[in-house]
C-alpha atoms as a PDB file:
ATOM      1  CA  MET A   1     -16.304 -78.505 -35.139  1.00  0.00           C
ATOM      2  CA  PRO A   2     -13.047 -79.755 -33.311  1.00  0.00           C
ATOM      3  CA  THR A   3     -11.367 -83.310 -34.241  1.00  0.00           C
ATOM      4  CA  GLU A   4      -8.314 -84.777 -32.137  1.00  0.00           C
ATOM      5  CA  ASN A   5      -5.428 -86.681 -34.466  1.00  0.00           C
ATOM      6  CA  GLU A   6      -5.322 -90.000 -35.098  1.00  0.00           C
ATOM      7  CA  SER A   7      -2.107 -90.174 -32.704  1.00  0.00           C
ATOM      8  CA  GLY A   8      -4.411 -88.730 -29.625  1.00  0.00           C
ATOM      9  CA  GLY A   9      -3.127 -85.664 -29.837  1.00  0.00           C
ATOM     10  CA  SER A  10      -4.814 -82.281 -28.611  1.00  0.00           C
ATOM     11  CA  ARG A  11      -7.875 -80.716 -29.755  1.00  0.00           C
ATOM     12  CA  ILE A  12      -8.186 -77.818 -32.068  1.00  0.00           C
ATOM     13  CA  ALA A  13     -11.048 -75.358 -32.182  1.00  0.00           C
ATOM     14  CA  ASP A  14     -12.790 -75.482 -36.052  1.00  0.00           C
ATOM     15  CA  PRO A  15     -10.571 -72.667 -38.175  1.00  0.00           C
ATOM     16  CA  GLY A  16     -13.546 -72.575 -40.695  1.00  0.00           C
ATOM     17  CA  PRO A  17     -15.588 -69.608 -38.959  1.00  0.00           C
ATOM     18  CA  LEU A  18     -11.780 -67.603 -38.593  1.00  0.00           C
ATOM     19  CA  GLY A  19     -11.085 -68.783 -42.315  1.00  0.00           C
ATOM     20  CA  LEU A  20     -14.623 -67.465 -44.024  1.00  0.00           C
ATOM     21  CA  ALA A  21     -14.642 -64.297 -41.832  1.00  0.00           C
ATOM     22  CA  ALA A  22     -11.316 -63.497 -43.414  1.00  0.00           C
ATOM     23  CA  PHE A  23     -13.103 -64.593 -47.090  1.00  0.00           C
ATOM     24  CA  ALA A  24     -16.087 -62.355 -46.447  1.00  0.00           C
ATOM     25  CA  LEU A  25     -14.331 -58.945 -45.009  1.00  0.00           C
ATOM     26  CA  THR A  26     -11.505 -59.101 -47.500  1.00  0.00           C
ATOM     27  CA  THR A  27     -14.047 -59.979 -50.579  1.00  0.00           C
ATOM     28  CA  PHE A  28     -16.664 -56.959 -49.412  1.00  0.00           C
ATOM     29  CA  LEU A  29     -13.764 -54.637 -49.724  1.00  0.00           C
ATOM     30  CA  LEU A  30     -12.809 -55.692 -53.330  1.00  0.00           C
ATOM     31  CA  SER A  31     -15.914 -55.928 -54.264  1.00  0.00           C
ATOM     32  CA  ALA A  32     -16.948 -52.705 -53.539  1.00  0.00           C
ATOM     33  CA  LYS A  33     -14.318 -51.089 -55.264  1.00  0.00           C
ATOM     34  CA  ASN A  34     -15.823 -53.615 -58.444  1.00  0.00           C
ATOM     35  CA  ALA A  35     -19.073 -52.640 -58.239  1.00  0.00           C
ATOM     36  CA  GLY A  36     -18.270 -48.916 -57.852  1.00  0.00           C
ATOM     37  CA  TRP A  37     -18.586 -47.536 -53.821  1.00  0.00           C
ATOM     38  CA  THR A  38     -15.409 -46.733 -53.680  1.00  0.00           C
ATOM     39  CA  HIS A  39     -13.234 -44.314 -55.441  1.00  0.00           C
ATOM     40  CA  GLY A  40      -9.325 -44.096 -55.815  1.00  0.00           C
ATOM     41  CA  THR A  41      -8.872 -46.064 -52.767  1.00  0.00           C
ATOM     42  CA  ASP A  42      -7.003 -49.639 -52.575  1.00  0.00           C
ATOM     43  CA  ALA A  43      -7.997 -50.543 -48.584  1.00  0.00           C
ATOM     44  CA  TRP A  44      -8.836 -54.058 -50.091  1.00  0.00           C
ATOM     45  CA  LEU A  45      -4.988 -54.551 -50.744  1.00  0.00           C
ATOM     46  CA  GLY A  46      -3.512 -54.287 -46.875  1.00  0.00           C
ATOM     47  CA  TYR A  47      -6.169 -56.529 -46.113  1.00  0.00           C
ATOM     48  CA  ALA A  48      -5.546 -59.056 -49.076  1.00  0.00           C
ATOM     49  CA  LEU A  49      -2.202 -59.268 -47.452  1.00  0.00           C
ATOM     50  CA  ALA A  50      -2.787 -59.638 -43.727  1.00  0.00           C
ATOM     51  CA  TYR A  51      -6.412 -60.944 -43.410  1.00  0.00           C
ATOM     52  CA  GLY A  52      -7.587 -62.906 -46.959  1.00  0.00           C
ATOM     53  CA  GLY A  53      -3.988 -64.034 -47.242  1.00  0.00           C
ATOM     54  CA  PHE A  54      -1.869 -64.871 -44.658  1.00  0.00           C
ATOM     55  CA  VAL A  55      -4.903 -65.629 -42.205  1.00  0.00           C
ATOM     56  CA  GLN A  56      -7.122 -67.799 -43.990  1.00  0.00           C
ATOM     57  CA  LEU A  57      -3.407 -69.540 -44.915  1.00  0.00           C
ATOM     58  CA  LEU A  58      -3.453 -70.707 -41.868  1.00  0.00           C
ATOM     59  CA  ALA A  59      -7.018 -71.490 -41.811  1.00  0.00           C
ATOM     60  CA  GLY A  60      -6.191 -73.779 -44.408  1.00  0.00           C
ATOM     61  CA  MET A  61      -3.304 -74.880 -42.099  1.00  0.00           C
ATOM     62  CA  TRP A  62      -5.290 -75.518 -39.504  1.00  0.00           C
ATOM     63  CA  GLU A  63      -7.933 -77.170 -41.409  1.00  0.00           C
ATOM     64  CA  PHE A  64      -4.599 -80.310 -42.531  1.00  0.00           C
ATOM     65  CA  ARG A  65      -4.679 -80.869 -38.874  1.00  0.00           C
ATOM     66  CA  ASN A  66      -7.884 -81.095 -38.449  1.00  0.00           C
ATOM     67  CA  ARG A  67      -7.818 -83.411 -41.454  1.00  0.00           C
ATOM     68  CA  ASN A  68     -10.316 -81.500 -43.566  1.00  0.00           C
ATOM     69  CA  VAL A  69      -9.308 -81.692 -46.631  1.00  0.00           C
ATOM     70  CA  PHE A  70     -12.029 -79.580 -48.037  1.00  0.00           C
ATOM     71  CA  GLY A  71     -11.328 -76.560 -45.967  1.00  0.00           C
ATOM     72  CA  ALA A  72      -7.572 -77.124 -46.478  1.00  0.00           C
ATOM     73  CA  THR A  73      -7.602 -77.228 -49.884  1.00  0.00           C
ATOM     74  CA  ALA A  74     -10.296 -73.868 -49.784  1.00  0.00           C
ATOM     75  CA  PHE A  75      -8.714 -72.068 -47.988  1.00  0.00           C
ATOM     76  CA  GLY A  76      -5.043 -72.430 -48.357  1.00  0.00           C
ATOM     77  CA  THR A  77      -5.862 -71.844 -52.591  1.00  0.00           C
ATOM     78  CA  TYR A  78      -8.055 -68.914 -51.908  1.00  0.00           C
ATOM     79  CA  GLY A  79      -5.183 -67.758 -49.042  1.00  0.00           C
ATOM     80  CA  GLY A  80      -2.546 -67.251 -51.549  1.00  0.00           C
ATOM     81  CA  PHE A  81      -5.193 -65.998 -54.136  1.00  0.00           C
ATOM     82  CA  TRP A  82      -5.153 -63.067 -51.935  1.00  0.00           C
ATOM     83  CA  ILE A  83      -1.427 -63.292 -51.498  1.00  0.00           C
ATOM     84  CA  GLY A  84      -0.864 -63.405 -55.279  1.00  0.00           C
ATOM     85  CA  LEU A  85      -3.543 -60.896 -56.537  1.00  0.00           C
ATOM     86  CA  GLY A  86      -2.053 -58.154 -53.956  1.00  0.00           C
ATOM     87  CA  LEU A  87       1.820 -58.689 -54.842  1.00  0.00           C
ATOM     88  CA  TYR A  88       0.660 -58.401 -58.740  1.00  0.00           C
ATOM     89  CA  VAL A  89      -0.988 -54.933 -57.875  1.00  0.00           C
ATOM     90  CA  LYS A  90       2.128 -53.318 -55.830  1.00  0.00           C
ATOM     91  CA  LEU A  91       4.748 -55.355 -58.072  1.00  0.00           C
ATOM     92  CA  VAL A  92       3.246 -55.696 -61.693  1.00  0.00           C
ATOM     93  CA  ALA A  93       0.830 -53.828 -61.872  1.00  0.00           C
ATOM     94  CA  PRO A  94       2.511 -50.603 -61.848  1.00  0.00           C
ATOM     95  CA  GLU A  95       4.687 -51.129 -64.569  1.00  0.00           C
ATOM     96  CA  ALA A  96       1.523 -52.279 -66.557  1.00  0.00           C
ATOM     97  CA  ASN A  97      -0.894 -50.299 -68.951  1.00  0.00           C
ATOM     98  CA  ALA A  98      -4.534 -50.576 -68.643  1.00  0.00           C
ATOM     99  CA  SER A  99      -4.848 -53.540 -71.564  1.00  0.00           C
ATOM    100  CA  GLN A 100      -1.969 -55.352 -70.375  1.00  0.00           C
ATOM    101  CA  LEU A 101      -3.551 -55.794 -66.656  1.00  0.00           C
ATOM    102  CA  ALA A 102      -7.261 -56.311 -67.947  1.00  0.00           C
ATOM    103  CA  ASN A 103      -6.125 -59.144 -69.579  1.00  0.00           C
ATOM    104  CA  ASP A 104      -3.632 -60.452 -66.591  1.00  0.00           C
ATOM    105  CA  GLN A 105      -6.338 -60.008 -63.868  1.00  0.00           C
ATOM    106  CA  GLY A 106      -9.160 -62.448 -66.819  1.00  0.00           C
ATOM    107  CA  TRP A 107      -6.770 -65.372 -66.986  1.00  0.00           C
ATOM    108  CA  ILE A 108      -5.954 -64.861 -62.877  1.00  0.00           C
ATOM    109  CA  LEU A 109     -10.585 -64.712 -62.338  1.00  0.00           C
ATOM    110  CA  LEU A 110     -10.334 -67.390 -65.405  1.00  0.00           C
ATOM    111  CA  ALA A 111      -7.883 -69.607 -63.368  1.00  0.00           C
ATOM    112  CA  PHE A 112      -9.909 -69.738 -60.203  1.00  0.00           C
ATOM    113  CA  ALA A 113     -12.932 -70.604 -61.694  1.00  0.00           C
ATOM    114  CA  ILE A 114     -11.571 -73.747 -62.768  1.00  0.00           C
ATOM    115  CA  PHE A 115     -10.576 -74.443 -59.389  1.00  0.00           C
ATOM    116  CA  ASN A 116     -14.073 -73.020 -58.065  1.00  0.00           C
ATOM    117  CA  ALA A 117     -15.791 -74.669 -60.369  1.00  0.00           C
ATOM    118  CA  TYR A 118     -14.629 -78.808 -58.695  1.00  0.00           C
ATOM    119  CA  MET A 119     -14.428 -76.913 -55.241  1.00  0.00           C
ATOM    120  CA  LEU A 120     -18.783 -75.867 -55.715  1.00  0.00           C
ATOM    121  CA  ILE A 121     -19.136 -79.762 -56.756  1.00  0.00           C
ATOM    122  CA  ALA A 122     -17.023 -81.061 -53.902  1.00  0.00           C
ATOM    123  CA  SER A 123     -18.929 -78.509 -51.792  1.00  0.00           C
ATOM    124  CA  LEU A 124     -22.469 -80.297 -52.493  1.00  0.00           C
ATOM    125  CA  ALA A 125     -21.240 -82.898 -49.132  1.00  0.00           C
ATOM    126  CA  THR A 126     -20.060 -80.172 -46.983  1.00  0.00           C
ATOM    127  CA  ASN A 127     -23.976 -77.804 -46.412  1.00  0.00           C
ATOM    128  CA  LYS A 128     -25.786 -75.785 -48.453  1.00  0.00           C
ATOM    129  CA  ALA A 129     -24.744 -72.521 -46.752  1.00  0.00           C
ATOM    130  CA  LEU A 130     -21.348 -72.875 -47.582  1.00  0.00           C
ATOM    131  CA  PHE A 131     -22.614 -74.596 -51.140  1.00  0.00           C
ATOM    132  CA  ALA A 132     -23.971 -70.660 -51.605  1.00  0.00           C
ATOM    133  CA  VAL A 133     -20.531 -69.508 -51.069  1.00  0.00           C
ATOM    134  CA  PHE A 134     -18.830 -70.818 -53.610  1.00  0.00           C
ATOM    135  CA  LEU A 135     -22.488 -70.566 -56.297  1.00  0.00           C
ATOM    136  CA  THR A 136     -21.842 -66.850 -55.500  1.00  0.00           C
ATOM    137  CA  LEU A 137     -18.108 -66.745 -55.811  1.00  0.00           C
ATOM    138  CA  GLN A 138     -18.317 -68.882 -59.335  1.00  0.00           C
ATOM    139  CA  ALA A 139     -20.744 -66.390 -60.372  1.00  0.00           C
ATOM    140  CA  THR A 140     -18.504 -63.310 -59.290  1.00  0.00           C
ATOM    141  CA  GLU A 141     -15.747 -64.995 -60.589  1.00  0.00           C
ATOM    142  CA  ILE A 142     -16.901 -65.656 -64.456  1.00  0.00           C
ATOM    143  CA  LEU A 143     -18.618 -62.040 -64.603  1.00  0.00           C
ATOM    144  CA  LEU A 144     -15.437 -60.430 -63.711  1.00  0.00           C
ATOM    145  CA  PHE A 145     -13.028 -62.997 -65.721  1.00  0.00           C
ATOM    146  CA  VAL A 146     -15.456 -62.292 -68.788  1.00  0.00           C
ATOM    147  CA  GLY A 147     -16.017 -58.453 -67.819  1.00  0.00           C
ATOM    148  CA  LEU A 148     -12.289 -58.138 -68.490  1.00  0.00           C
ATOM    149  CA  PHE A 149     -11.454 -59.715 -71.145  1.00  0.00           C
ATOM    150  CA  ALA A 150     -14.376 -57.915 -72.567  1.00  0.00           C
ATOM    151  CA  GLY A 151     -13.182 -54.412 -71.377  1.00  0.00           C
ATOM    152  CA  ASN A 152     -16.684 -54.028 -70.225  1.00  0.00           C
ATOM    153  CA  ASP A 153     -17.372 -52.242 -67.100  1.00  0.00           C
ATOM    154  CA  SER A 154     -20.859 -52.705 -66.647  1.00  0.00           C
ATOM    155  CA  ILE A 155     -20.280 -55.974 -66.271  1.00  0.00           C
ATOM    156  CA  VAL A 156     -17.520 -55.859 -64.372  1.00  0.00           C
ATOM    157  CA  LYS A 157     -19.778 -53.477 -61.672  1.00  0.00           C
ATOM    158  CA  ILE A 158     -22.331 -56.298 -61.315  1.00  0.00           C
ATOM    159  CA  GLY A 159     -19.339 -58.838 -60.644  1.00  0.00           C
ATOM    160  CA  GLY A 160     -18.798 -56.455 -57.865  1.00  0.00           C
ATOM    161  CA  TYR A 161     -22.421 -56.461 -56.758  1.00  0.00           C
ATOM    162  CA  VAL A 162     -22.125 -60.158 -56.805  1.00  0.00           C
ATOM    163  CA  GLY A 163     -19.377 -60.303 -55.053  1.00  0.00           C
ATOM    164  CA  VAL A 164     -20.685 -58.342 -52.290  1.00  0.00           C
ATOM    165  CA  LEU A 165     -23.578 -60.898 -52.322  1.00  0.00           C
ATOM    166  CA  THR A 166     -20.631 -63.580 -51.449  1.00  0.00           C
ATOM    167  CA  ALA A 167     -19.373 -61.884 -49.352  1.00  0.00           C
ATOM    168  CA  LEU A 168     -22.419 -61.830 -47.363  1.00  0.00           C
ATOM    169  CA  VAL A 169     -23.428 -65.401 -47.645  1.00  0.00           C
ATOM    170  CA  ALA A 170     -19.645 -66.039 -46.232  1.00  0.00           C
ATOM    171  CA  TRP A 171     -20.378 -64.089 -43.294  1.00  0.00           C
ATOM    172  CA  TYR A 172     -23.245 -65.838 -42.544  1.00  0.00           C
ATOM    173  CA  THR A 173     -21.657 -68.913 -42.575  1.00  0.00           C
ATOM    174  CA  SER A 174     -19.161 -68.113 -39.695  1.00  0.00           C
ATOM    175  CA  PHE A 175     -21.634 -66.275 -38.222  1.00  0.00           C
ATOM    176  CA  ALA A 176     -23.633 -69.573 -38.312  1.00  0.00           C
ATOM    177  CA  GLY A 177     -20.190 -71.354 -37.447  1.00  0.00           C
ATOM    178  CA  VAL A 178     -18.913 -69.460 -34.794  1.00  0.00           C
ATOM    179  CA  LEU A 179     -22.834 -68.798 -32.732  1.00  0.00           C
ATOM    180  CA  ASN A 180     -23.665 -72.296 -33.262  1.00  0.00           C
ATOM    181  CA  THR A 181     -20.558 -73.484 -31.652  1.00  0.00           C
ATOM    182  CA  VAL A 182     -20.373 -71.139 -28.414  1.00  0.00           C
ATOM    183  CA  SER A 183     -24.313 -71.992 -27.971  1.00  0.00           C
ATOM    184  CA  GLY A 184     -23.918 -75.424 -28.034  1.00  0.00           C
ATOM    185  CA  ARG A 185     -26.827 -75.981 -30.692  1.00  0.00           C
ATOM    186  CA  ASP A 186     -27.987 -75.185 -34.109  1.00  0.00           C
ATOM    187  CA  VAL A 187     -29.014 -71.150 -33.381  1.00  0.00           C
ATOM    188  CA  LEU A 188     -28.539 -70.596 -37.224  1.00  0.00           C
ATOM    189  CA  LYS A 189     -29.306 -72.903 -40.317  1.00  0.00           C
ATOM    190  CA  ILE A 190     -26.661 -74.057 -42.387  1.00  0.00           C
ATOM    191  CA  GLY A 191     -28.344 -76.748 -43.869  1.00  0.00           C
ATOM    192  CA  SER A 192     -27.605 -80.089 -44.522  1.00  0.00           C
ATOM    193  CA  PRO A 193     -25.544 -81.440 -47.471  1.00  0.00           C
ATOM    194  CA  MET A 194     -26.906 -82.128 -50.877  1.00  0.00           C
ATOM    195  CA  LEU A 195     -24.775 -85.180 -51.881  1.00  0.00           C
ATOM    196  CA  ARG A 196     -24.745 -87.254 -49.190  1.00  0.00           C
ATOM    197  CA  LYS A 197     -21.576 -89.796 -48.235  1.00  0.00           C
ATOM    198  CA  SER A 198     -21.993 -93.046 -48.273  1.00  0.00           C
END
């Protein structure tokens, strides 16, 4: 929701729905590829850099302005994830063999699964919809890094399916943020926090 900073400065809109939309679309495109639904295309790559990366990074900076540490950390980190992955695919991957690619991407996903694990715990203090985003994302990252390390395309494909589910949950949460704000009431439910603030 819009907030006012401590110095009495201007209000800004909640960047959460934008950040979630950027995350959802890019996750959907890459997950469709991982699931084997698209062939011979890297349509996700441009959106990883521009939408999932840059726009999500902007959302993270705006969350800092709103003094939302959780949103700033999540959007800032996953914006960096998409930019980094896009740069890796363009700059490193063309010179690497298939084994190195799988190993590199496995380590990247393992590192982000560790980050996501503590954000999943922290999301208990937000709402159930956001918790569901981080829960499905955790499952996606685990399946992908296990599949990549094991060289098992079937596990990677399952990770793609779960990634599509993650995108749908993120889109729902984004839609709820937009619709509930413009209507001035809770049209779409997001659920109360599971971890109460003292």
